[in-house]
Amino acid sequence: MVGYNDAHSIELDPNTTHPVIALLPEQDGIEDIGGTLRLGSYPCVLDKSSLAYKLYGEETIHERHRHRYEFNNDYRKVLTENGMMLSGISPDGRIVEMVELPDHPFFIGTQAHPELKSRPNRPHPLFRVRIVQDADYIYRDEVDKAVAAYKAEHGTAPSWMPNQYFAALTNMRSVGVMGDERTYDYAVALRAVNTVDFMTAEAGEIPFAVLQSVMSRIINEVRGVNRVFYDLTSKPPGTIEFE
């Protein structure tokens, strides 16, 4: 995005001319780096306009760390000028904890180790996004295939074709059964609307058979989901977005 072909971490390439990942200034010149790890839980303040904030749902978070090298603050200006968002910063403003690309569907980089706070029955917020990405792909794929089949047979798009449709991951979890095992997983909501001006909207009337196919694929292909709902709310009283 900036054109620094040799951009690197000095841990891996000490001679790089663009050390975007480096030691903190106070560690420069220290030869015995034993005991200098940034270790344990540290707070981070999220930009409220960031994807990270949407995933976490709160402004101040705490993440676990185990590293010595940090984002080099000398590159803050050039990276933000070229489209990168510094979406998570230490409370004192010294350390960049998270970065993302607002124009990318999902590009988040973090200094922390989210895997250390993730559990099989409680995935970390940065991992939960994979659930909704996979569910949304299946939803769009099944609707697109149904629309294409209708067009091939009738020569025109079906009247039920929605203006906007997407899958959303809810915060609700419930008990389910998969094979011989009980599960405790998330519910995915499917949203579709028909609208002229997006100021008002009616719930889309996607055929039940299509929704059944979407549900079956999501349940069987997306780990962490055991229920699928279809949102019938119009706008108003609801909104098109699912937040």
Protein backbone atom coordinates (compact mmCIF):
# COMPACT_ATOMS: atom_id res chain seq x y z
CA MET A 1 0.00 0.00 0.00
CA VAL A 2 3.00 2.30 0.46
CA GLY A 3 5.49 0.63 -1.86
CA TYR A 4 8.06 -0.39 0.72
CA ASN A 5 9.05 -3.71 -0.84
CA ASP A 6 11.52 -4.55 1.92
CA ALA A 7 9.30 -3.55 4.85
CA HIS A 8 9.95 -6.03 7.62
CA SER A 9 10.39 -6.72 11.31
CA ILE A 10 13.91 -6.22 12.65
CA GLU A 11 13.46 -9.50 14.49
CA LEU A 12 13.50 -11.27 11.12
CA ASP A 13 15.52 -8.82 9.05
CA PRO A 14 17.75 -6.59 11.19
CA ASN A 15 19.04 -4.81 8.07
CA THR A 16 15.71 -3.80 6.54
CA THR A 17 15.53 -0.15 5.49
CA HIS A 18 11.88 0.00 6.55
CA PRO A 19 11.57 -1.54 10.03
CA VAL A 20 7.82 -1.21 10.49
CA ILE A 21 8.07 -3.60 13.43
CA ALA A 22 10.87 -2.77 15.85
CA LEU A 23 11.88 -2.54 19.48
CA LEU A 24 10.38 0.20 21.60
CA PRO A 25 12.69 3.26 21.77
CA GLU A 26 13.54 2.60 25.41
CA GLN A 27 14.89 -0.83 24.43
CA ASP A 28 17.26 0.43 21.73
CA GLY A 29 20.86 -0.43 22.55
CA ILE A 30 19.97 -3.07 25.14
CA GLU A 31 22.11 -6.11 24.44
CA ASP A 32 20.70 -8.41 27.10
CA ILE A 33 17.04 -8.54 26.08
CA GLY A 34 16.11 -11.27 28.53
CA GLY A 35 13.14 -10.27 30.65
CA THR A 36 12.07 -7.50 28.26
CA LEU A 37 8.99 -9.25 26.91
CA ARG A 38 5.70 -7.40 27.00
CA LEU A 39 3.94 -10.14 28.91
CA GLY A 40 0.43 -10.44 30.32
CA SER A 41 -2.82 -8.52 29.97
CA TYR A 42 -2.77 -4.92 28.73
CA PRO A 43 -5.57 -2.42 28.02
CA CYS A 44 -6.30 -1.10 24.54
CA VAL A 45 -8.61 1.74 23.44
CA LEU A 46 -10.48 1.09 20.20
CA ASP A 47 -11.48 3.64 17.57
CA LYS A 48 -15.30 3.73 17.66
CA SER A 49 -15.44 3.86 13.85
CA SER A 50 -13.37 0.69 13.47
CA LEU A 51 -14.38 -2.87 12.66
CA ALA A 52 -12.56 -3.93 15.82
CA TYR A 53 -14.96 -1.83 17.89
CA LYS A 54 -17.94 -3.43 16.17
CA LEU A 55 -16.57 -6.90 16.93
CA TYR A 56 -15.76 -6.23 20.58
CA GLY A 57 -18.71 -3.98 21.29
CA GLU A 58 -16.78 -1.85 23.76
CA GLU A 59 -14.20 0.91 23.63
CA THR A 60 -11.66 -0.33 26.16
CA ILE A 61 -10.58 -3.94 25.94
CA HIS A 62 -7.89 -6.06 27.58
CA GLU A 63 -5.80 -8.50 25.59
CA ARG A 64 -2.95 -10.82 26.47
CA HIS A 65 0.52 -10.22 25.08
CA ARG A 66 3.76 -12.13 24.75
CA HIS A 67 6.15 -10.25 22.51
CA ARG A 68 9.12 -7.92 22.46
CA TYR A 69 8.73 -6.09 19.16
CA GLU A 70 6.16 -3.37 18.47
CA PHE A 71 4.69 -1.26 15.70
CA ASN A 72 7.28 1.39 14.82
CA ASN A 73 5.71 4.78 15.51
CA ASP A 74 7.91 6.39 12.85
CA TYR A 75 5.52 4.85 10.30
CA ARG A 76 2.25 6.05 11.79
CA LYS A 77 1.93 9.05 9.49
CA VAL A 78 2.81 7.41 6.17
CA LEU A 79 0.59 4.38 6.78
CA THR A 80 -2.46 6.36 7.89
CA GLU A 81 -2.01 8.73 4.94
CA ASN A 82 -2.19 5.69 2.65
CA GLY A 83 -5.36 4.20 4.07
CA MET A 84 -4.44 2.23 7.18
CA MET A 85 -6.44 2.82 10.36
CA LEU A 86 -4.74 2.59 13.74
CA SER A 87 -7.82 1.08 15.31
CA GLY A 88 -6.42 0.16 18.72
CA ILE A 89 -4.00 2.25 20.80
CA SER A 90 -2.63 1.88 24.33
CA PRO A 91 -4.36 4.27 26.78
CA ASP A 92 -1.27 6.47 26.95
CA GLY A 93 -1.17 6.73 23.15
CA ARG A 94 2.34 5.29 22.87
CA ILE A 95 1.74 1.84 21.42
CA VAL A 96 -0.26 0.81 18.36
CA GLU A 97 -2.13 -2.35 19.35
CA MET A 98 -4.37 -2.93 16.30
CA VAL A 99 -4.46 -1.82 12.68
CA GLU A 100 -6.98 -2.39 9.92
CA LEU A 101 -7.80 -1.45 6.34
CA PRO A 102 -11.28 0.15 6.26
CA ASP A 103 -11.74 -0.61 2.55
CA HIS A 104 -10.96 -4.32 2.99
CA PRO A 105 -13.70 -6.83 3.92
CA PHE A 106 -11.66 -8.05 6.88
CA PHE A 107 -8.10 -6.97 7.52
CA ILE A 108 -7.18 -6.62 11.17
CA GLY A 109 -3.71 -6.96 12.60
CA THR A 110 -3.11 -7.16 16.34
CA GLN A 111 -0.08 -7.17 18.60
CA ALA A 112 -1.96 -9.38 21.06
CA HIS A 113 -2.58 -13.12 21.11
CA PRO A 114 -6.36 -13.54 20.75
CA GLU A 115 -5.97 -17.33 20.79
CA LEU A 116 -5.01 -17.10 24.47
CA LYS A 117 -8.49 -15.82 25.35
CA SER A 118 -10.46 -18.03 22.95
CA ARG A 119 -12.27 -21.18 24.07
CA PRO A 120 -13.99 -23.96 22.07
CA ASN A 121 -17.38 -22.85 23.39
CA ARG A 122 -16.58 -19.12 23.51
CA PRO A 123 -14.58 -17.94 20.47
CA HIS A 124 -12.68 -14.71 20.68
CA PRO A 125 -14.37 -11.69 18.98
CA LEU A 126 -11.70 -11.65 16.26
CA PHE A 127 -12.44 -15.30 15.47
CA ARG A 128 -16.24 -14.98 15.59
CA VAL A 129 -16.15 -12.85 12.45
CA ARG A 130 -15.18 -15.97 10.52
CA ILE A 131 -18.55 -17.45 11.46
CA VAL A 132 -20.54 -14.60 9.94
CA GLN A 133 -18.29 -14.44 6.87
CA ASP A 134 -18.88 -18.11 6.12
CA ALA A 135 -22.61 -17.87 6.84
CA ASP A 136 -22.97 -14.77 4.67
CA TYR A 137 -21.13 -16.46 1.79
CA ILE A 138 -23.49 -19.46 1.94
CA TYR A 139 -26.57 -17.22 2.11
CA ARG A 140 -25.50 -15.19 -0.92
CA ASP A 141 -24.45 -18.29 -2.82
CA GLU A 142 -27.80 -20.02 -2.37
CA VAL A 143 -29.83 -16.91 -3.20
CA ASP A 144 -27.69 -16.17 -6.26
CA LYS A 145 -28.08 -19.74 -7.50
CA ALA A 146 -31.86 -19.58 -7.03
CA VAL A 147 -32.07 -16.25 -8.87
CA ALA A 148 -29.91 -17.58 -11.72
CA ALA A 149 -32.08 -20.70 -12.06
CA TYR A 150 -35.25 -18.60 -12.18
CA LYS A 151 -33.77 -16.29 -14.81
CA ALA A 152 -32.70 -19.27 -16.93
CA GLU A 153 -36.24 -20.66 -16.86
CA HIS A 154 -38.30 -17.46 -17.10
CA GLY A 155 -35.96 -14.97 -18.74
CA THR A 156 -36.37 -12.43 -15.98
CA ALA A 157 -35.47 -11.96 -12.32
CA PRO A 158 -37.94 -13.31 -9.72
CA SER A 159 -40.25 -10.82 -8.02
CA TRP A 160 -38.91 -11.96 -4.64
CA MET A 161 -35.32 -10.99 -5.47
CA PRO A 162 -34.22 -8.79 -2.52
CA ASN A 163 -32.53 -5.42 -2.87
CA GLN A 164 -30.23 -6.24 0.02
CA TYR A 165 -29.52 -9.42 1.93
CA PHE A 166 -26.90 -10.60 4.40
CA ALA A 167 -26.26 -12.86 7.39
CA ALA A 168 -25.64 -11.45 10.86
CA LEU A 169 -24.18 -13.14 13.91
CA THR A 170 -26.30 -12.60 17.01
CA ASN A 171 -25.09 -12.64 20.62
CA MET A 172 -27.61 -15.35 21.44
CA ARG A 173 -26.39 -18.86 22.15
CA SER A 174 -28.49 -21.93 22.79
CA VAL A 175 -28.34 -25.66 23.32
CA GLY A 176 -28.51 -27.84 20.22
CA VAL A 177 -27.78 -31.38 19.07
CA MET A 178 -25.31 -32.40 16.37
CA GLY A 179 -25.09 -36.16 15.86
CA ASP A 180 -24.80 -37.68 19.32
CA GLU A 181 -23.37 -34.52 20.87
CA ARG A 182 -25.06 -31.58 22.55
CA THR A 183 -23.85 -28.17 21.45
CA TYR A 184 -23.97 -24.67 22.87
CA ASP A 185 -23.50 -22.42 19.88
CA TYR A 186 -24.52 -19.15 18.25
CA ALA A 187 -27.61 -18.19 16.28
CA VAL A 188 -27.28 -16.60 12.84
CA ALA A 189 -29.95 -14.20 11.59
CA LEU A 190 -30.71 -13.91 7.88
CA ARG A 191 -31.86 -10.49 6.70
CA ALA A 192 -33.37 -9.60 3.32
CA VAL A 193 -35.35 -6.53 2.30
CA ASN A 194 -37.17 -5.09 -0.67
CA THR A 195 -37.12 -1.32 -0.90
CA VAL A 196 -37.38 1.57 -3.34
CA ASP A 197 -35.49 4.29 -1.48
CA PHE A 198 -34.00 2.50 1.58
CA MET A 199 -35.92 4.93 3.81
CA THR A 200 -38.59 2.26 4.25
CA ALA A 201 -38.35 -1.44 3.52
CA GLU A 202 -40.33 -4.66 3.70
CA ALA A 203 -38.90 -8.03 4.63
CA GLY A 204 -37.91 -10.00 1.57
CA GLU A 205 -40.06 -12.98 0.57
CA ILE A 206 -37.32 -15.44 -0.27
CA PRO A 207 -38.88 -18.86 -1.03
CA PHE A 208 -38.93 -21.24 1.90
CA ALA A 209 -37.08 -23.91 -0.07
CA VAL A 210 -34.18 -21.52 -0.62
CA LEU A 211 -34.09 -20.61 3.07
CA GLN A 212 -34.11 -24.32 3.95
CA SER A 213 -31.04 -24.85 1.76
CA VAL A 214 -29.29 -21.88 3.36
CA MET A 215 -30.11 -23.13 6.86
CA SER A 216 -28.95 -26.66 6.13
CA ARG A 217 -25.63 -25.53 4.70
CA ILE A 218 -24.91 -23.06 7.49
CA ILE A 219 -25.66 -25.60 10.21
CA ASN A 220 -23.55 -28.28 8.55
CA GLU A 221 -20.70 -26.19 7.15
CA VAL A 222 -20.15 -23.38 9.68
CA ARG A 223 -18.71 -24.40 13.02
CA GLY A 224 -20.13 -22.60 16.02
CA VAL A 225 -23.71 -22.21 14.72
CA ASN A 226 -26.70 -24.37 15.67
CA ARG A 227 -29.67 -22.10 14.86
CA VAL A 228 -30.66 -19.92 11.90
CA PHE A 229 -33.41 -17.28 12.02
CA TYR A 230 -35.05 -15.27 9.24
CA ASP A 231 -35.77 -11.65 10.17
CA LEU A 232 -39.26 -10.56 9.10
CA THR A 233 -39.04 -7.03 10.56
CA SER A 234 -39.90 -4.13 8.25
CA LYS A 235 -38.39 -0.65 8.35
CA PRO A 236 -39.80 0.98 10.37
CA PRO A 237 -39.89 -0.11 13.16
CA GLY A 238 -36.57 -1.87 12.55
CA THR A 239 -33.64 -0.79 10.41
CA ILE A 240 -32.25 -2.55 7.36
CA GLU A 241 -28.96 -3.04 9.17
CA PHE A 242 -28.73 -5.65 11.90
CA GLU A 243 -26.88 -4.01 14.80
